Amino acid sequence: MSTSRPLAGDAGQATTEYALVLLAAAFVGLLVIGWATTGAGAETVGRLFDRIMRAVIEQT
């Protein structure tokens, strides 16, 4: 019976992949924040917030 063991050079691969996924998520988050706080993005977010608030107020 043969057991499969990772090669010595692969030991940190999962950690590296995890770090890259976190960096990509942070980058996407920064892009969304940048869009939402400037120009048309801020206006769109403001309109969405107003709609939500009106809907909540109408429910009460």
PDB file of N, CA and C in Angstrom:
ATOM      1  N   MET A   1       0.850  -1.164   0.000  1.00  0.00           N
ATOM      2  CA  MET A   1       0.000   0.000   0.000  1.00  0.00           C
ATOM      3  C   MET A   1       0.901   1.233   0.000  1.00  0.00           C
ATOM      4  N   SER A   2       0.650   2.119  -0.915  1.00  0.00           N
ATOM      5  CA  SER A   2       1.482   3.316  -1.016  1.00  0.00           C
ATOM      6  C   SER A   2       0.718   4.522  -0.474  1.00  0.00           C
ATOM      7  N   THR A   3       1.392   5.334   0.282  1.00  0.00           N
ATOM      8  CA  THR A   3       0.758   6.550   0.816  1.00  0.00           C
ATOM      9  C   THR A   3       1.290   7.751   0.068  1.00  0.00           C
ATOM     10  N   SER A   4       0.418   8.682  -0.152  1.00  0.00           N
ATOM     11  CA  SER A   4       0.804   9.880  -0.894  1.00  0.00           C
ATOM     12  C   SER A   4       1.182  10.981   0.103  1.00  0.00           C
ATOM     13  N   ARG A   5       2.409  11.442  -0.010  1.00  0.00           N
ATOM     14  CA  ARG A   5       2.875  12.530   0.860  1.00  0.00           C
ATOM     15  C   ARG A   5       3.285  13.696  -0.008  1.00  0.00           C
ATOM     16  N   PRO A   6       2.970  14.920   0.434  1.00  0.00           N
ATOM     17  CA  PRO A   6       3.373  16.071  -0.364  1.00  0.00           C
ATOM     18  C   PRO A   6       4.889  16.199  -0.416  1.00  0.00           C
ATOM     19  N   LEU A   7       5.376  16.728  -1.487  1.00  0.00           N
ATOM     20  CA  LEU A   7       6.807  16.962  -1.612  1.00  0.00           C
ATOM     21  C   LEU A   7       7.227  18.057  -0.646  1.00  0.00           C
ATOM     22  N   ALA A   8       8.466  18.067  -0.261  1.00  0.00           N
ATOM     23  CA  ALA A   8       8.957  19.057   0.701  1.00  0.00           C
ATOM     24  C   ALA A   8       8.762  20.481   0.190  1.00  0.00           C
ATOM     25  N   GLY A   9       8.869  20.701  -1.119  1.00  0.00           N
ATOM     26  CA  GLY A   9       8.715  22.031  -1.683  1.00  0.00           C
ATOM     27  C   GLY A   9       7.277  22.525  -1.710  1.00  0.00           C
ATOM     28  N   ASP A  10       6.305  21.640  -1.499  1.00  0.00           N
ATOM     29  CA  ASP A  10       4.888  22.002  -1.543  1.00  0.00           C
ATOM     30  C   ASP A  10       4.325  22.370  -0.174  1.00  0.00           C
ATOM     31  N   ALA A  11       5.147  22.344   0.842  1.00  0.00           N
ATOM     32  CA  ALA A  11       4.651  22.543   2.205  1.00  0.00           C
ATOM     33  C   ALA A  11       3.966  23.893   2.411  1.00  0.00           C
ATOM     34  N   GLY A  12       4.463  24.949   1.807  1.00  0.00           N
ATOM     35  CA  GLY A  12       3.875  26.269   2.023  1.00  0.00           C
ATOM     36  C   GLY A  12       2.918  26.704   0.937  1.00  0.00           C
ATOM     37  N   GLN A  13       2.571  25.806   0.025  1.00  0.00           N
ATOM     38  CA  GLN A  13       1.728  26.183  -1.103  1.00  0.00           C
ATOM     39  C   GLN A  13       0.341  26.621  -0.659  1.00  0.00           C
ATOM     40  N   ALA A  14      -0.287  25.913   0.263  1.00  0.00           N
ATOM     41  CA  ALA A  14      -1.630  26.269   0.712  1.00  0.00           C
ATOM     42  C   ALA A  14      -1.620  27.634   1.383  1.00  0.00           C
ATOM     43  N   THR A  15      -0.603  27.922   2.165  1.00  0.00           N
ATOM     44  CA  THR A  15      -0.495  29.216   2.829  1.00  0.00           C
ATOM     45  C   THR A  15      -0.349  30.328   1.802  1.00  0.00           C
ATOM     46  N   THR A  16       0.448  30.092   0.783  1.00  0.00           N
ATOM     47  CA  THR A  16       0.639  31.087  -0.273  1.00  0.00           C
ATOM     48  C   THR A  16      -0.654  31.326  -1.032  1.00  0.00           C
ATOM     49  N   GLU A  17      -1.365  30.256  -1.365  1.00  0.00           N
ATOM     50  CA  GLU A  17      -2.640  30.396  -2.070  1.00  0.00           C
ATOM     51  C   GLU A  17      -3.642  31.170  -1.212  1.00  0.00           C
ATOM     52  N   TYR A  18      -3.684  30.865   0.066  1.00  0.00           N
ATOM     53  CA  TYR A  18      -4.584  31.562   0.981  1.00  0.00           C
ATOM     54  C   TYR A  18      -4.252  33.054   1.024  1.00  0.00           C
ATOM     55  N   ALA A  19      -2.975  33.373   1.094  1.00  0.00           N
ATOM     56  CA  ALA A  19      -2.553  34.775   1.128  1.00  0.00           C
ATOM     57  C   ALA A  19      -2.928  35.489  -0.167  1.00  0.00           C
ATOM     58  N   LEU A  20      -2.787  34.833  -1.302  1.00  0.00           N
ATOM     59  CA  LEU A  20      -3.142  35.438  -2.582  1.00  0.00           C
ATOM     60  C   LEU A  20      -4.649  35.667  -2.688  1.00  0.00           C
ATOM     61  N   VAL A  21      -5.435  34.741  -2.187  1.00  0.00           N
ATOM     62  CA  VAL A  21      -6.893  34.918  -2.188  1.00  0.00           C
ATOM     63  C   VAL A  21      -7.274  36.108  -1.308  1.00  0.00           C
ATOM     64  N   LEU A  22      -6.638  36.232  -0.152  1.00  0.00           N
ATOM     65  CA  LEU A  22      -6.918  37.372   0.728  1.00  0.00           C
ATOM     66  C   LEU A  22      -6.528  38.692   0.074  1.00  0.00           C
ATOM     67  N   LEU A  23      -5.395  38.722  -0.605  1.00  0.00           N
ATOM     68  CA  LEU A  23      -4.979  39.942  -1.311  1.00  0.00           C
ATOM     69  C   LEU A  23      -5.960  40.298  -2.426  1.00  0.00           C
ATOM     70  N   ALA A  24      -6.419  39.309  -3.159  1.00  0.00           N
ATOM     71  CA  ALA A  24      -7.387  39.554  -4.233  1.00  0.00           C
ATOM     72  C   ALA A  24      -8.703  40.083  -3.654  1.00  0.00           C
ATOM     73  N   ALA A  25      -9.157  39.507  -2.553  1.00  0.00           N
ATOM     74  CA  ALA A  25     -10.398  39.964  -1.919  1.00  0.00           C
ATOM     75  C   ALA A  25     -10.243  41.392  -1.407  1.00  0.00           C
ATOM     76  N   ALA A  26      -9.106  41.707  -0.835  1.00  0.00           N
ATOM     77  CA  ALA A  26      -8.863  43.066  -0.353  1.00  0.00           C
ATOM     78  C   ALA A  26      -8.845  44.051  -1.511  1.00  0.00           C
ATOM     79  N   PHE A  27      -8.245  43.670  -2.632  1.00  0.00           N
ATOM     80  CA  PHE A  27      -8.193  44.535  -3.805  1.00  0.00           C
ATOM     81  C   PHE A  27      -9.597  44.804  -4.340  1.00  0.00           C
ATOM     82  N   VAL A  28     -10.412  43.765  -4.448  1.00  0.00           N
ATOM     83  CA  VAL A  28     -11.794  43.940  -4.914  1.00  0.00           C
ATOM     84  C   VAL A  28     -12.565  44.823  -3.937  1.00  0.00           C
ATOM     85  N   GLY A  29     -12.349  44.618  -2.642  1.00  0.00           N
ATOM     86  CA  GLY A  29     -13.004  45.458  -1.641  1.00  0.00           C
ATOM     87  C   GLY A  29     -12.617  46.925  -1.785  1.00  0.00           C
ATOM     88  N   LEU A  30     -11.348  47.182  -2.021  1.00  0.00           N
ATOM     89  CA  LEU A  30     -10.901  48.565  -2.216  1.00  0.00           C
ATOM     90  C   LEU A  30     -11.512  49.183  -3.469  1.00  0.00           C
ATOM     91  N   LEU A  31     -11.619  48.391  -4.521  1.00  0.00           N
ATOM     92  CA  LEU A  31     -12.259  48.894  -5.741  1.00  0.00           C
ATOM     93  C   LEU A  31     -13.722  49.264  -5.488  1.00  0.00           C
ATOM     94  N   VAL A  32     -14.424  48.408  -4.766  1.00  0.00           N
ATOM     95  CA  VAL A  32     -15.835  48.678  -4.469  1.00  0.00           C
ATOM     96  C   VAL A  32     -15.972  49.914  -3.590  1.00  0.00           C
ATOM     97  N   ILE A  33     -15.130  50.039  -2.581  1.00  0.00           N
ATOM     98  CA  ILE A  33     -15.177  51.216  -1.708  1.00  0.00           C
ATOM     99  C   ILE A  33     -14.854  52.472  -2.494  1.00  0.00           C
ATOM    100  N   GLY A  34     -13.854  52.406  -3.358  1.00  0.00           N
ATOM    101  CA  GLY A  34     -13.509  53.556  -4.186  1.00  0.00           C
ATOM    102  C   GLY A  34     -14.648  53.961  -5.089  1.00  0.00           C
ATOM    103  N   TRP A  35     -15.303  52.990  -5.700  1.00  0.00           N
ATOM    104  CA  TRP A  35     -16.430  53.285  -6.578  1.00  0.00           C
ATOM    105  C   TRP A  35     -17.599  53.865  -5.792  1.00  0.00           C
ATOM    106  N   ALA A  36     -17.869  53.298  -4.604  1.00  0.00           N
ATOM    107  CA  ALA A  36     -19.036  53.697  -3.831  1.00  0.00           C
ATOM    108  C   ALA A  36     -18.881  55.068  -3.183  1.00  0.00           C
ATOM    109  N   THR A  37     -17.664  55.566  -3.068  1.00  0.00           N
ATOM    110  CA  THR A  37     -17.477  56.840  -2.367  1.00  0.00           C
ATOM    111  C   THR A  37     -17.148  57.996  -3.296  1.00  0.00           C
ATOM    112  N   THR A  38     -17.098  57.764  -4.589  1.00  0.00           N
ATOM    113  CA  THR A  38     -16.782  58.855  -5.513  1.00  0.00           C
ATOM    114  C   THR A  38     -17.764  58.876  -6.670  1.00  0.00           C
ATOM    115  N   GLY A  39     -18.033  60.048  -7.172  1.00  0.00           N
ATOM    116  CA  GLY A  39     -18.800  60.240  -8.397  1.00  0.00           C
ATOM    117  C   GLY A  39     -20.140  59.546  -8.426  1.00  0.00           C
ATOM    118  N   ALA A  40     -20.403  58.867  -9.531  1.00  0.00           N
ATOM    119  CA  ALA A  40     -21.695  58.217  -9.754  1.00  0.00           C
ATOM    120  C   ALA A  40     -21.947  57.101  -8.753  1.00  0.00           C
ATOM    121  N   GLY A  41     -20.880  56.475  -8.286  1.00  0.00           N
ATOM    122  CA  GLY A  41     -21.048  55.402  -7.295  1.00  0.00           C
ATOM    123  C   GLY A  41     -21.668  55.919  -6.017  1.00  0.00           C
ATOM    124  N   ALA A  42     -21.197  57.079  -5.560  1.00  0.00           N
ATOM    125  CA  ALA A  42     -21.742  57.662  -4.334  1.00  0.00           C
ATOM    126  C   ALA A  42     -23.210  58.024  -4.529  1.00  0.00           C
ATOM    127  N   GLU A  43     -23.542  58.535  -5.697  1.00  0.00           N
ATOM    128  CA  GLU A  43     -24.924  58.894  -5.990  1.00  0.00           C
ATOM    129  C   GLU A  43     -25.811  57.640  -6.010  1.00  0.00           C
ATOM    130  N   THR A  44     -25.329  56.586  -6.621  1.00  0.00           N
ATOM    131  CA  THR A  44     -26.074  55.331  -6.698  1.00  0.00           C
ATOM    132  C   THR A  44     -26.298  54.744  -5.314  1.00  0.00           C
ATOM    133  N   VAL A  45     -25.249  54.737  -4.504  1.00  0.00           N
ATOM    134  CA  VAL A  45     -25.377  54.207  -3.144  1.00  0.00           C
ATOM    135  C   VAL A  45     -26.348  55.071  -2.337  1.00  0.00           C
ATOM    136  N   GLY A  46     -26.277  56.378  -2.514  1.00  0.00           N
ATOM    137  CA  GLY A  46     -27.196  57.284  -1.816  1.00  0.00           C
ATOM    138  C   GLY A  46     -28.646  57.018  -2.189  1.00  0.00           C
ATOM    139  N   ARG A  47     -28.916  56.831  -3.476  1.00  0.00           N
ATOM    140  CA  ARG A  47     -30.291  56.527  -3.917  1.00  0.00           C
ATOM    141  C   ARG A  47     -30.766  55.198  -3.367  1.00  0.00           C
ATOM    142  N   LEU A  48     -29.885  54.203  -3.361  1.00  0.00           N
ATOM    143  CA  LEU A  48     -30.239  52.893  -2.814  1.00  0.00           C
ATOM    144  C   LEU A  48     -30.566  53.015  -1.325  1.00  0.00           C
ATOM    145  N   PHE A  49     -29.738  53.752  -0.592  1.00  0.00           N
ATOM    146  CA  PHE A  49     -29.982  53.946   0.842  1.00  0.00           C
ATOM    147  C   PHE A  49     -31.326  54.655   1.065  1.00  0.00           C
ATOM    148  N   ASP A  50     -31.618  55.686   0.260  1.00  0.00           N
ATOM    149  CA  ASP A  50     -32.899  56.389   0.385  1.00  0.00           C
ATOM    150  C   ASP A  50     -34.078  55.457   0.130  1.00  0.00           C
ATOM    151  N   ARG A  51     -33.958  54.606  -0.887  1.00  0.00           N
ATOM    152  CA  ARG A  51     -35.027  53.643  -1.181  1.00  0.00           C
ATOM    153  C   ARG A  51     -35.267  52.690  -0.019  1.00  0.00           C
ATOM    154  N   ILE A  52     -34.172  52.194   0.528  1.00  0.00           N
ATOM    155  CA  ILE A  52     -34.279  51.254   1.653  1.00  0.00           C
ATOM    156  C   ILE A  52     -34.935  51.936   2.841  1.00  0.00           C
ATOM    157  N   MET A  53     -34.500  53.158   3.141  1.00  0.00           N
ATOM    158  CA  MET A  53     -35.074  53.879   4.286  1.00  0.00           C
ATOM    159  C   MET A  53     -36.563  54.149   4.069  1.00  0.00           C
ATOM    160  N   ARG A  54     -36.941  54.547   2.852  1.00  0.00           N
ATOM    161  CA  ARG A  54     -38.366  54.778   2.573  1.00  0.00           C
ATOM    162  C   ARG A  54     -39.170  53.500   2.745  1.00  0.00           C
ATOM    163  N   ALA A  55     -38.643  52.377   2.272  1.00  0.00           N
ATOM    164  CA  ALA A  55     -39.334  51.109   2.406  1.00  0.00           C
ATOM    165  C   ALA A  55     -39.510  50.716   3.869  1.00  0.00           C
ATOM    166  N   VAL A  56     -38.473  50.957   4.660  1.00  0.00           N
ATOM    167  CA  VAL A  56     -38.555  50.621   6.091  1.00  0.00           C
ATOM    168  C   VAL A  56     -39.578  51.516   6.781  1.00  0.00           C
ATOM    169  N   ILE A  57     -39.562  52.795   6.462  1.00  0.00           N
ATOM    170  CA  ILE A  57     -40.500  53.740   7.086  1.00  0.00           C
ATOM    171  C   ILE A  57     -41.940  53.407   6.697  1.00  0.00           C
ATOM    172  N   GLU A  58     -42.173  53.025   5.451  1.00  0.00           N
ATOM    173  CA  GLU A  58     -43.522  52.682   4.997  1.00  0.00           C
ATOM    174  C   GLU A  58     -44.025  51.412   5.657  1.00  0.00           C
ATOM    175  N   GLN A  59     -43.142  50.526   6.077  1.00  0.00           N
ATOM    176  CA  GLN A  59     -43.542  49.289   6.739  1.00  0.00           C
ATOM    177  C   GLN A  59     -44.048  49.523   8.155  1.00  0.00           C
ATOM    178  N   THR A  60     -43.633  50.618   8.768  1.00  0.00           N
ATOM    179  CA  THR A  60     -44.027  50.869  10.174  1.00  0.00           C
ATOM    180  C   THR A  60     -45.302  51.634  10.252  1.00  0.00           C
TER     181      THR A  60
END
